[in-house]
Amino acid sequence: MAEETQYTANTGMQTVSTANPNLDGTGTISNAIITGASSGTLIKTVTIKAQVSTTQGVVRLFVYDGTNTKLLTEVEIPAVTKAANDPSYETTIPLNYSLKSGWSLKASTEKAESMNVIAEGLDWTYYASSVRPESSKYTANTGIQTVNTANANLDGTGTISTAIVTGASSGTQIKSVTIKSQVTTTAGMIRLFLYDGTNTKLLKEIPVMATTKSASAQSFSETVDFENSGFALKSGWSLKASTEKSEAMNVVAEGLDWTYPA
């Protein structure tokens, strides 16, 4: 961010206590824990703190765009017995995720055990004046799609998702892409493609491991971190995805659009 960036703390919290084993965004999910501000919100950490003794299970974090609810990550919860001098289970996850304006972070729990989910966020804005002309302004651009139709092709043909994220007027910095399965997986591949409006070209392949999900075991997850300043996506170009196997996989892109003061 530029030196002229102003930050405002944005803390959010919800309690989840209704058992929900679903990874596809259905069932009982919390209200918004935190919602992206006008330019976006940086979710620094998420803390999960049990109110009760826990059995082995999972807390799930979802991204909600106003219509669709997509699984972002899972947090394994161990069995912990609380007592007068033994604390209940707690963990803090360094998320460092840029959430798009109006989009929300939500949560669910595998077991019917009361869990507090607390997000530590920072909203950012810019000074209305005295901004250096070379300074960049950033706006969060988060994209989500689910791919579930088998496609073995590497040449851009076959079933490929619609745009996960599209480059803005100056471009979009893709910081990371998270692959999160909704189901038990067999060994396969997720492929990321670039689409220029006419041509679809393979950018990256992410191996998917055979992973059996259960009430206490996470489904497959992998995050691709684009190094340094991220992958610069040209205005109007799109990032898309396909899957080798017909297994439902969420593809969540974390992006930042940039502009300059007029």
Protein backbone atom coordinates (compact mmCIF):
# COMPACT_ATOMS: atom_id res chain seq x y z
CA MET A 1 0.00 0.00 0.00
CA ALA A 2 1.05 3.60 -0.52
CA GLU A 3 2.21 5.78 2.38
CA GLU A 4 -1.04 7.77 2.03
CA THR A 5 -3.10 4.71 2.95
CA GLN A 6 -5.29 5.07 6.03
CA TYR A 7 -6.22 1.98 8.04
CA THR A 8 -9.23 1.42 10.27
CA ALA A 9 -9.56 -1.61 12.54
CA ASN A 10 -12.45 -3.91 11.60
CA THR A 11 -13.03 -6.67 14.15
CA GLY A 12 -15.83 -9.20 13.70
CA MET A 13 -17.11 -12.15 15.70
CA GLN A 14 -19.77 -14.84 15.61
CA THR A 15 -20.51 -18.00 17.58
CA VAL A 16 -21.21 -21.23 15.68
CA SER A 17 -22.87 -24.08 17.57
CA THR A 18 -25.09 -26.00 15.11
CA ALA A 19 -23.58 -29.15 13.62
CA ASN A 20 -23.09 -28.87 9.84
CA PRO A 21 -20.98 -31.44 7.96
CA ASN A 22 -21.47 -29.80 4.52
CA LEU A 23 -18.57 -28.39 2.50
CA ASP A 24 -20.71 -27.00 -0.35
CA GLY A 25 -21.99 -23.88 1.42
CA THR A 26 -25.35 -25.36 2.46
CA GLY A 27 -26.67 -26.06 5.95
CA THR A 28 -26.33 -23.80 8.98
CA ILE A 29 -23.60 -21.20 8.46
CA SER A 30 -23.00 -18.10 10.58
CA ASN A 31 -23.98 -14.58 9.70
CA ALA A 32 -21.18 -12.41 8.36
CA ILE A 33 -18.18 -12.39 10.68
CA ILE A 34 -16.55 -9.55 8.75
CA THR A 35 -17.51 -7.77 5.52
CA GLY A 36 -15.20 -6.06 3.04
CA ALA A 37 -15.19 -2.24 3.22
CA SER A 38 -15.30 0.18 0.26
CA SER A 39 -11.75 -0.51 -0.94
CA GLY A 40 -11.57 -3.96 0.68
CA THR A 41 -10.61 -5.43 4.05
CA LEU A 42 -7.38 -7.22 4.96
CA ILE A 43 -8.28 -10.12 7.27
CA LYS A 44 -5.08 -10.50 9.27
CA THR A 45 -6.03 -13.35 11.60
CA VAL A 46 -8.95 -15.56 12.57
CA THR A 47 -9.13 -16.84 16.16
CA ILE A 48 -11.25 -19.87 17.07
CA LYS A 49 -12.02 -20.23 20.78
CA ALA A 50 -14.23 -22.96 22.21
CA GLN A 51 -16.76 -22.15 24.94
CA VAL A 52 -17.00 -25.82 25.94
CA SER A 53 -15.05 -29.08 25.97
CA THR A 54 -14.53 -30.26 22.40
CA THR A 55 -14.53 -33.55 20.56
CA GLN A 56 -12.45 -33.97 17.41
CA GLY A 57 -14.05 -32.03 14.56
CA VAL A 58 -13.65 -29.19 12.07
CA VAL A 59 -14.52 -25.49 11.85
CA ARG A 60 -14.97 -24.25 8.28
CA LEU A 61 -14.47 -20.73 6.91
CA PHE A 62 -16.45 -19.63 3.85
CA VAL A 63 -16.40 -16.66 1.47
CA TYR A 64 -19.85 -15.22 0.60
CA ASP A 65 -20.29 -12.88 -2.38
CA GLY A 66 -23.94 -12.01 -1.70
CA THR A 67 -25.23 -15.04 -3.62
CA ASN A 68 -22.70 -17.86 -3.48
CA THR A 69 -21.06 -19.41 -0.42
CA LYS A 70 -17.74 -21.14 -1.12
CA LEU A 71 -15.46 -23.03 1.27
CA LEU A 72 -12.12 -21.28 1.76
CA THR A 73 -10.38 -23.33 4.45
CA GLU A 74 -10.92 -25.82 7.28
CA VAL A 75 -9.47 -25.80 10.78
CA GLU A 76 -9.15 -29.11 12.64
CA ILE A 77 -10.44 -29.02 16.22
CA PRO A 78 -8.86 -31.55 18.63
CA ALA A 79 -10.56 -33.16 21.62
CA VAL A 80 -9.89 -30.89 24.62
CA THR A 81 -11.51 -31.17 28.05
CA LYS A 82 -11.85 -27.82 29.79
CA ALA A 83 -11.70 -27.53 33.57
CA ALA A 84 -11.35 -24.88 36.26
CA ASN A 85 -7.62 -24.59 35.54
CA ASP A 86 -7.47 -26.11 32.05
CA PRO A 87 -8.36 -23.76 29.18
CA SER A 88 -10.71 -24.72 26.38
CA TYR A 89 -9.32 -25.15 22.87
CA GLU A 90 -8.13 -22.07 20.99
CA THR A 91 -6.07 -21.31 17.90
CA THR A 92 -5.19 -18.24 15.85
CA ILE A 93 -4.72 -18.58 12.09
CA PRO A 94 -2.65 -15.94 10.22
CA LEU A 95 -4.99 -15.53 7.24
CA ASN A 96 -3.70 -12.27 5.64
CA TYR A 97 -6.52 -12.35 3.09
CA SER A 98 -7.76 -9.37 1.05
CA LEU A 99 -11.59 -9.50 1.03
CA LYS A 100 -13.53 -7.72 -1.70
CA SER A 101 -15.91 -4.86 -0.85
CA GLY A 102 -19.34 -6.21 0.14
CA TRP A 103 -18.14 -9.82 0.37
CA SER A 104 -18.21 -11.59 3.76
CA LEU A 105 -16.36 -14.21 5.76
CA LYS A 106 -18.64 -16.80 7.42
CA ALA A 107 -18.16 -20.01 9.42
CA SER A 108 -19.69 -23.35 10.36
CA THR A 109 -18.83 -26.16 12.78
CA GLU A 110 -18.82 -29.93 12.26
CA LYS A 111 -19.93 -30.62 15.84
CA ALA A 112 -22.70 -29.03 17.90
CA GLU A 113 -20.21 -27.37 20.23
CA SER A 114 -20.15 -23.60 20.81
CA MET A 115 -17.15 -22.03 19.07
CA ASN A 116 -16.34 -18.32 18.90
CA VAL A 117 -14.90 -17.23 15.54
CA ILE A 118 -13.16 -13.83 15.74
CA ALA A 119 -11.70 -12.03 12.72
CA GLU A 120 -9.04 -9.32 13.02
CA GLY A 121 -9.34 -7.04 10.02
CA LEU A 122 -8.09 -3.74 8.62
CA ASP A 123 -10.15 -1.59 6.24
CA TRP A 124 -8.10 0.73 4.05
CA THR A 125 -8.86 4.06 2.41
CA TYR A 126 -6.79 6.91 0.94
CA TYR A 127 -6.38 10.58 1.75
CA ALA A 128 -8.63 12.68 -0.43
CA SER A 129 -5.77 15.07 -1.14
CA SER A 130 -1.98 15.26 -0.90
CA VAL A 131 -1.53 11.92 -2.64
CA ARG A 132 1.67 11.65 -4.65
CA PRO A 133 0.86 11.18 -8.35
CA GLU A 134 3.01 8.04 -8.52
CA SER A 135 1.11 6.42 -5.63
CA SER A 136 -1.06 3.37 -6.33
CA LYS A 137 -4.55 2.85 -4.97
CA TYR A 138 -5.68 -0.74 -4.39
CA THR A 139 -9.16 -2.29 -4.29
CA ALA A 140 -9.68 -5.90 -3.26
CA ASN A 141 -10.94 -8.18 -6.06
CA THR A 142 -11.88 -11.64 -4.77
CA GLY A 143 -13.15 -14.30 -7.18
CA ILE A 144 -14.78 -17.70 -6.61
CA GLN A 145 -15.88 -20.60 -8.80
CA THR A 146 -16.55 -24.31 -8.32
CA VAL A 147 -15.24 -26.77 -10.93
CA ASN A 148 -16.69 -30.30 -10.96
CA THR A 149 -16.73 -31.53 -14.57
CA ALA A 150 -13.85 -33.81 -15.57
CA ASN A 151 -11.57 -32.29 -18.22
CA ALA A 152 -8.21 -33.85 -19.06
CA ASN A 153 -7.27 -31.29 -21.72
CA LEU A 154 -4.30 -28.93 -21.40
CA ASP A 155 -4.98 -27.01 -24.61
CA GLY A 156 -7.82 -24.82 -23.31
CA THR A 157 -10.63 -26.96 -24.71
CA GLY A 158 -13.30 -28.88 -22.78
CA THR A 159 -15.21 -27.66 -19.75
CA ILE A 160 -13.48 -24.72 -18.09
CA SER A 161 -14.97 -22.38 -15.49
CA THR A 162 -16.25 -18.91 -16.24
CA ALA A 163 -14.00 -16.07 -15.08
CA ILE A 164 -12.77 -16.41 -11.51
CA VAL A 165 -11.29 -12.93 -11.61
CA THR A 166 -10.92 -10.41 -14.47
CA GLY A 167 -8.26 -7.74 -14.84
CA ALA A 168 -9.37 -4.18 -14.01
CA SER A 169 -8.56 -0.98 -15.94
CA SER A 170 -4.87 -0.81 -14.96
CA GLY A 171 -4.61 -4.51 -14.18
CA THR A 172 -5.18 -6.89 -11.28
CA GLN A 173 -2.52 -8.28 -8.95
CA ILE A 174 -3.41 -11.93 -8.23
CA LYS A 175 -1.81 -12.60 -4.86
CA SER A 176 -2.97 -16.18 -4.31
CA VAL A 177 -5.31 -18.90 -5.54
CA THR A 178 -6.74 -21.38 -3.03
CA ILE A 179 -7.98 -24.82 -4.13
CA LYS A 180 -10.39 -26.37 -1.62
CA SER A 181 -12.29 -29.61 -2.18
CA GLN A 182 -15.92 -30.07 -1.16
CA VAL A 183 -15.59 -33.87 -1.29
CA THR A 184 -13.25 -36.82 -0.83
CA THR A 185 -10.70 -36.70 -3.66
CA THR A 186 -8.78 -39.14 -5.79
CA ALA A 187 -5.39 -38.24 -7.25
CA GLY A 188 -5.88 -35.69 -10.03
CA MET A 189 -5.15 -32.14 -11.13
CA ILE A 190 -6.53 -28.62 -11.04
CA ARG A 191 -5.49 -26.42 -13.96
CA LEU A 192 -5.42 -22.63 -14.08
CA PHE A 193 -5.82 -20.91 -17.45
CA LEU A 194 -5.51 -17.39 -18.82
CA TYR A 195 -8.23 -16.17 -21.18
CA ASP A 196 -7.66 -13.07 -23.33
CA GLY A 197 -11.20 -12.90 -24.71
CA THR A 198 -10.42 -15.29 -27.56
CA ASN A 199 -7.66 -17.70 -26.55
CA THR A 200 -7.42 -19.93 -23.45
CA LYS A 201 -3.90 -20.90 -22.41
CA LEU A 202 -2.70 -23.15 -19.55
CA LEU A 203 -0.87 -21.19 -16.84
CA LYS A 204 -0.34 -23.64 -13.96
CA GLU A 205 -1.21 -27.13 -12.76
CA ILE A 206 -1.85 -28.03 -9.11
CA PRO A 207 -1.66 -31.75 -8.21
CA VAL A 208 -4.60 -32.98 -6.13
CA MET A 209 -3.81 -35.67 -3.58
CA ALA A 210 -6.13 -38.55 -2.70
CA THR A 211 -7.70 -37.29 0.53
CA THR A 212 -10.56 -38.82 2.50
CA LYS A 213 -12.61 -36.19 4.28
CA SER A 214 -14.52 -37.03 7.45
CA ALA A 215 -16.13 -35.35 10.42
CA SER A 216 -12.67 -34.83 11.90
CA ALA A 217 -10.40 -34.77 8.84
CA GLN A 218 -10.04 -31.90 6.38
CA SER A 219 -10.68 -32.23 2.67
CA PHE A 220 -7.86 -31.51 0.20
CA SER A 221 -6.53 -27.96 0.21
CA GLU A 222 -3.69 -26.17 -1.56
CA THR A 223 -2.81 -22.50 -1.93
CA VAL A 224 -0.74 -21.14 -4.81
CA ASP A 225 1.13 -18.03 -3.67
CA PHE A 226 2.33 -15.84 -6.51
CA GLU A 227 5.65 -14.46 -5.33
CA ASN A 228 6.79 -10.86 -4.94
CA SER A 229 4.00 -8.50 -6.08
CA GLY A 230 1.75 -11.27 -7.42
CA PHE A 231 0.75 -12.18 -10.96
CA ALA A 232 -0.13 -9.07 -12.99
CA LEU A 233 -3.31 -9.83 -14.97
CA LYS A 234 -3.97 -7.58 -17.95
CA SER A 235 -7.15 -5.50 -18.12
CA GLY A 236 -9.97 -7.59 -19.61
CA TRP A 237 -8.08 -10.86 -19.32
CA SER A 238 -9.49 -13.57 -17.00
CA LEU A 239 -8.26 -16.37 -14.79
CA LYS A 240 -10.20 -19.64 -15.26
CA ALA A 241 -9.90 -23.23 -13.99
CA SER A 242 -10.66 -26.87 -14.78
CA THR A 243 -10.44 -30.18 -12.90
CA GLU A 244 -9.08 -33.53 -14.04
CA LYS A 245 -11.68 -35.48 -12.02
CA SER A 246 -15.42 -34.88 -11.60
CA GLU A 247 -15.00 -33.89 -7.96
CA ALA A 248 -16.31 -30.54 -6.70
CA MET A 249 -13.41 -28.16 -6.08
CA ASN A 250 -13.64 -24.51 -5.04
CA VAL A 251 -11.14 -22.17 -6.70
CA VAL A 252 -10.79 -18.90 -4.76
CA ALA A 253 -8.63 -16.10 -6.16
CA GLU A 254 -7.34 -13.26 -3.98
CA GLY A 255 -6.72 -10.20 -6.14
CA LEU A 256 -6.01 -6.47 -5.89
CA ASP A 257 -7.01 -4.01 -8.62
CA TRP A 258 -4.83 -0.93 -8.80
CA THR A 259 -5.38 2.61 -10.03
CA TYR A 260 -3.57 5.95 -9.73
CA PRO A 261 -4.74 9.34 -8.52
CA ALA A 262 -6.19 11.50 -11.29
